[in-house]
Amino acid sequence: MSETRLAPIAFISGLVGLLVANLVLGPLAIILGAAALRRDRTRRARAALALLLGVADLAVFAYLALRAGSGGSLNWRFLG
């Protein structure tokens, strides 16, 4: 994979991971973001943001899993 594409792919996977597939896209964003930080010198801010989004994905998953374990459901409730 080209070094110039790692940071945008990591960022997008971290961003989408906030809504769906947290457990898959979060670690993917972390791995690709770390690789982009090591290789790509032009998109370091986007790679760092991908790392933060990957960690946020895992935090959202942990929150939802704890909520499901306490009798709730494993999805967001926006209206009530």
N, C-alpha and C. Protein backbone atom coordinates (compact mmCIF):
# COMPACT_ATOMS: atom_id res chain seq x y z
N MET A 1 0.85 -1.17 0.00
CA MET A 1 0.00 0.00 0.00
C MET A 1 0.90 1.23 0.00
N SER A 2 0.53 2.21 -0.75
CA SER A 2 1.30 3.44 -0.86
C SER A 2 1.27 4.21 0.46
N GLU A 3 2.41 4.83 0.79
CA GLU A 3 2.49 5.58 2.05
C GLU A 3 1.53 6.76 2.07
N THR A 4 1.26 7.34 0.91
CA THR A 4 0.39 8.51 0.88
C THR A 4 -1.07 8.16 1.10
N ARG A 5 -1.40 6.90 1.00
CA ARG A 5 -2.80 6.50 1.20
C ARG A 5 -3.08 5.96 2.60
N LEU A 6 -2.07 5.71 3.39
CA LEU A 6 -2.30 5.14 4.72
C LEU A 6 -3.07 6.09 5.63
N ALA A 7 -2.66 7.34 5.69
CA ALA A 7 -3.30 8.29 6.60
C ALA A 7 -4.78 8.52 6.26
N PRO A 8 -5.14 8.76 5.00
CA PRO A 8 -6.57 8.95 4.71
C PRO A 8 -7.41 7.69 4.98
N ILE A 9 -6.87 6.53 4.67
CA ILE A 9 -7.62 5.29 4.92
C ILE A 9 -7.79 5.09 6.42
N ALA A 10 -6.75 5.35 7.19
CA ALA A 10 -6.83 5.23 8.65
C ALA A 10 -7.85 6.21 9.21
N PHE A 11 -7.82 7.45 8.72
CA PHE A 11 -8.76 8.47 9.19
C PHE A 11 -10.20 8.08 8.89
N ILE A 12 -10.45 7.63 7.68
CA ILE A 12 -11.82 7.26 7.29
C ILE A 12 -12.30 6.05 8.09
N SER A 13 -11.43 5.06 8.28
CA SER A 13 -11.86 3.89 9.06
C SER A 13 -12.12 4.27 10.51
N GLY A 14 -11.35 5.18 11.07
CA GLY A 14 -11.62 5.64 12.42
C GLY A 14 -12.90 6.42 12.53
N LEU A 15 -13.17 7.25 11.54
CA LEU A 15 -14.39 8.06 11.53
C LEU A 15 -15.63 7.19 11.37
N VAL A 16 -15.61 6.27 10.43
CA VAL A 16 -16.75 5.38 10.21
C VAL A 16 -16.91 4.44 11.40
N GLY A 17 -15.78 4.06 12.01
CA GLY A 17 -15.83 3.16 13.16
C GLY A 17 -16.56 3.72 14.36
N LEU A 18 -16.71 5.03 14.43
CA LEU A 18 -17.48 5.60 15.53
C LEU A 18 -18.95 5.20 15.46
N LEU A 19 -19.42 4.90 14.25
CA LEU A 19 -20.83 4.58 14.07
C LEU A 19 -21.09 3.09 13.91
N VAL A 20 -20.24 2.39 13.17
CA VAL A 20 -20.45 0.96 12.92
C VAL A 20 -19.12 0.22 13.04
N ALA A 21 -19.19 -1.03 13.41
CA ALA A 21 -18.04 -1.94 13.46
C ALA A 21 -16.88 -1.37 14.26
N ASN A 22 -17.18 -0.89 15.47
CA ASN A 22 -16.16 -0.29 16.32
C ASN A 22 -14.99 -1.24 16.58
N LEU A 23 -15.30 -2.49 16.84
CA LEU A 23 -14.27 -3.45 17.23
C LEU A 23 -13.35 -3.82 16.07
N VAL A 24 -13.81 -3.65 14.85
CA VAL A 24 -12.98 -3.96 13.68
C VAL A 24 -12.26 -2.71 13.18
N LEU A 25 -12.98 -1.63 13.01
CA LEU A 25 -12.41 -0.42 12.42
C LEU A 25 -11.53 0.37 13.39
N GLY A 26 -11.78 0.24 14.68
CA GLY A 26 -10.94 0.94 15.66
C GLY A 26 -9.49 0.46 15.63
N PRO A 27 -9.25 -0.83 15.82
CA PRO A 27 -7.86 -1.31 15.73
C PRO A 27 -7.25 -1.09 14.34
N LEU A 28 -8.05 -1.19 13.30
CA LEU A 28 -7.54 -0.92 11.95
C LEU A 28 -7.05 0.52 11.84
N ALA A 29 -7.81 1.46 12.39
CA ALA A 29 -7.41 2.87 12.36
C ALA A 29 -6.14 3.08 13.18
N ILE A 30 -6.01 2.39 14.30
CA ILE A 30 -4.81 2.52 15.13
C ILE A 30 -3.59 1.98 14.40
N ILE A 31 -3.72 0.81 13.81
CA ILE A 31 -2.59 0.19 13.12
C ILE A 31 -2.17 1.01 11.90
N LEU A 32 -3.14 1.37 11.08
CA LEU A 32 -2.80 2.16 9.89
C LEU A 32 -2.32 3.56 10.24
N GLY A 33 -2.89 4.15 11.28
CA GLY A 33 -2.44 5.47 11.72
C GLY A 33 -1.01 5.45 12.23
N ALA A 34 -0.66 4.41 12.98
CA ALA A 34 0.73 4.29 13.46
C ALA A 34 1.69 4.06 12.31
N ALA A 35 1.30 3.25 11.35
CA ALA A 35 2.14 3.02 10.18
C ALA A 35 2.30 4.30 9.37
N ALA A 36 1.23 5.07 9.25
CA ALA A 36 1.31 6.33 8.51
C ALA A 36 2.20 7.34 9.22
N LEU A 37 2.17 7.35 10.56
CA LEU A 37 3.04 8.26 11.29
C LEU A 37 4.50 7.92 11.07
N ARG A 38 4.80 6.63 10.95
CA ARG A 38 6.19 6.22 10.72
C ARG A 38 6.66 6.49 9.31
N ARG A 39 5.76 6.35 8.33
CA ARG A 39 6.19 6.40 6.92
C ARG A 39 5.92 7.73 6.24
N ASP A 40 4.75 8.28 6.46
CA ASP A 40 4.31 9.46 5.72
C ASP A 40 4.72 10.73 6.45
N ARG A 41 5.40 11.61 5.77
CA ARG A 41 5.85 12.86 6.38
C ARG A 41 4.93 14.04 6.07
N THR A 42 3.98 13.85 5.17
CA THR A 42 3.14 14.97 4.75
C THR A 42 1.78 15.00 5.45
N ARG A 43 1.29 13.88 5.91
CA ARG A 43 -0.05 13.83 6.50
C ARG A 43 0.00 13.35 7.95
N ARG A 44 0.91 13.90 8.70
CA ARG A 44 1.09 13.46 10.09
C ARG A 44 -0.11 13.83 10.97
N ALA A 45 -0.72 14.97 10.73
CA ALA A 45 -1.88 15.38 11.54
C ALA A 45 -3.06 14.44 11.31
N ARG A 46 -3.28 14.05 10.07
CA ARG A 46 -4.38 13.14 9.77
C ARG A 46 -4.11 11.76 10.37
N ALA A 47 -2.85 11.33 10.35
CA ALA A 47 -2.50 10.04 10.94
C ALA A 47 -2.68 10.07 12.45
N ALA A 48 -2.29 11.16 13.09
CA ALA A 48 -2.48 11.29 14.54
C ALA A 48 -3.96 11.32 14.90
N LEU A 49 -4.75 12.01 14.09
CA LEU A 49 -6.19 12.04 14.33
C LEU A 49 -6.80 10.66 14.14
N ALA A 50 -6.29 9.88 13.20
CA ALA A 50 -6.76 8.51 13.01
C ALA A 50 -6.47 7.66 14.24
N LEU A 51 -5.32 7.86 14.85
CA LEU A 51 -5.01 7.15 16.10
C LEU A 51 -6.02 7.50 17.19
N LEU A 52 -6.31 8.78 17.34
CA LEU A 52 -7.28 9.20 18.35
C LEU A 52 -8.68 8.65 18.06
N LEU A 53 -9.06 8.66 16.80
CA LEU A 53 -10.38 8.11 16.44
C LEU A 53 -10.43 6.60 16.68
N GLY A 54 -9.33 5.90 16.44
CA GLY A 54 -9.28 4.47 16.71
C GLY A 54 -9.46 4.17 18.19
N VAL A 55 -8.82 4.97 19.03
CA VAL A 55 -8.99 4.81 20.48
C VAL A 55 -10.43 5.16 20.88
N ALA A 56 -10.99 6.19 20.27
CA ALA A 56 -12.39 6.55 20.55
C ALA A 56 -13.34 5.44 20.12
N ASP A 57 -13.04 4.78 19.00
CA ASP A 57 -13.86 3.65 18.55
C ASP A 57 -13.90 2.56 19.62
N LEU A 58 -12.74 2.24 20.16
CA LEU A 58 -12.68 1.20 21.19
C LEU A 58 -13.37 1.65 22.47
N ALA A 59 -13.29 2.94 22.78
CA ALA A 59 -13.99 3.46 23.96
C ALA A 59 -15.50 3.37 23.78
N VAL A 60 -15.99 3.69 22.60
CA VAL A 60 -17.42 3.58 22.31
C VAL A 60 -17.86 2.12 22.42
N PHE A 61 -17.05 1.21 21.88
CA PHE A 61 -17.40 -0.20 21.98
C PHE A 61 -17.45 -0.65 23.44
N ALA A 62 -16.47 -0.23 24.24
CA ALA A 62 -16.45 -0.62 25.65
C ALA A 62 -17.69 -0.07 26.37
N TYR A 63 -18.06 1.17 26.07
CA TYR A 63 -19.25 1.75 26.68
C TYR A 63 -20.50 0.95 26.32
N LEU A 64 -20.63 0.64 25.03
CA LEU A 64 -21.82 -0.11 24.60
C LEU A 64 -21.83 -1.52 25.17
N ALA A 65 -20.66 -2.14 25.28
CA ALA A 65 -20.60 -3.49 25.84
C ALA A 65 -20.95 -3.48 27.32
N LEU A 66 -20.46 -2.49 28.06
CA LEU A 66 -20.81 -2.38 29.48
C LEU A 66 -22.29 -2.09 29.65
N ARG A 67 -22.83 -1.27 28.79
CA ARG A 67 -24.26 -0.96 28.86
C ARG A 67 -25.10 -2.20 28.55
N ALA A 68 -24.66 -3.00 27.59
CA ALA A 68 -25.39 -4.23 27.26
C ALA A 68 -25.29 -5.24 28.39
N GLY A 69 -24.15 -5.26 29.07
CA GLY A 69 -23.97 -6.19 30.19
C GLY A 69 -24.81 -5.84 31.39
N SER A 70 -25.22 -4.58 31.50
CA SER A 70 -26.03 -4.17 32.65
C SER A 70 -27.52 -4.16 32.33
N GLY A 71 -27.90 -4.89 31.29
CA GLY A 71 -29.31 -5.01 30.98
C GLY A 71 -29.79 -4.12 29.86
N GLY A 72 -28.91 -3.31 29.30
CA GLY A 72 -29.29 -2.44 28.21
C GLY A 72 -29.14 -3.17 26.88
N SER A 73 -29.03 -2.42 25.84
CA SER A 73 -28.84 -3.02 24.52
C SER A 73 -27.50 -2.58 23.95
N LEU A 74 -27.05 -3.26 22.92
CA LEU A 74 -25.74 -2.99 22.34
C LEU A 74 -25.84 -1.98 21.18
N ASN A 75 -26.80 -1.08 21.26
CA ASN A 75 -26.91 -0.03 20.23
C ASN A 75 -27.29 1.28 20.89
N TRP A 76 -27.14 2.34 20.12
CA TRP A 76 -27.46 3.66 20.62
C TRP A 76 -28.97 3.88 20.64
N ARG A 77 -29.45 4.60 21.60
CA ARG A 77 -30.85 5.02 21.62
C ARG A 77 -30.88 6.53 21.50
N PHE A 78 -31.27 7.01 20.34
CA PHE A 78 -31.27 8.43 20.10
C PHE A 78 -32.56 9.11 20.57
N LEU A 79 -33.65 8.40 20.51
CA LEU A 79 -34.95 9.01 20.86
C LEU A 79 -35.58 8.33 22.04
N GLY A 80 -34.93 8.38 23.17
CA GLY A 80 -35.58 7.85 24.35
C GLY A 80 -34.95 6.74 24.96
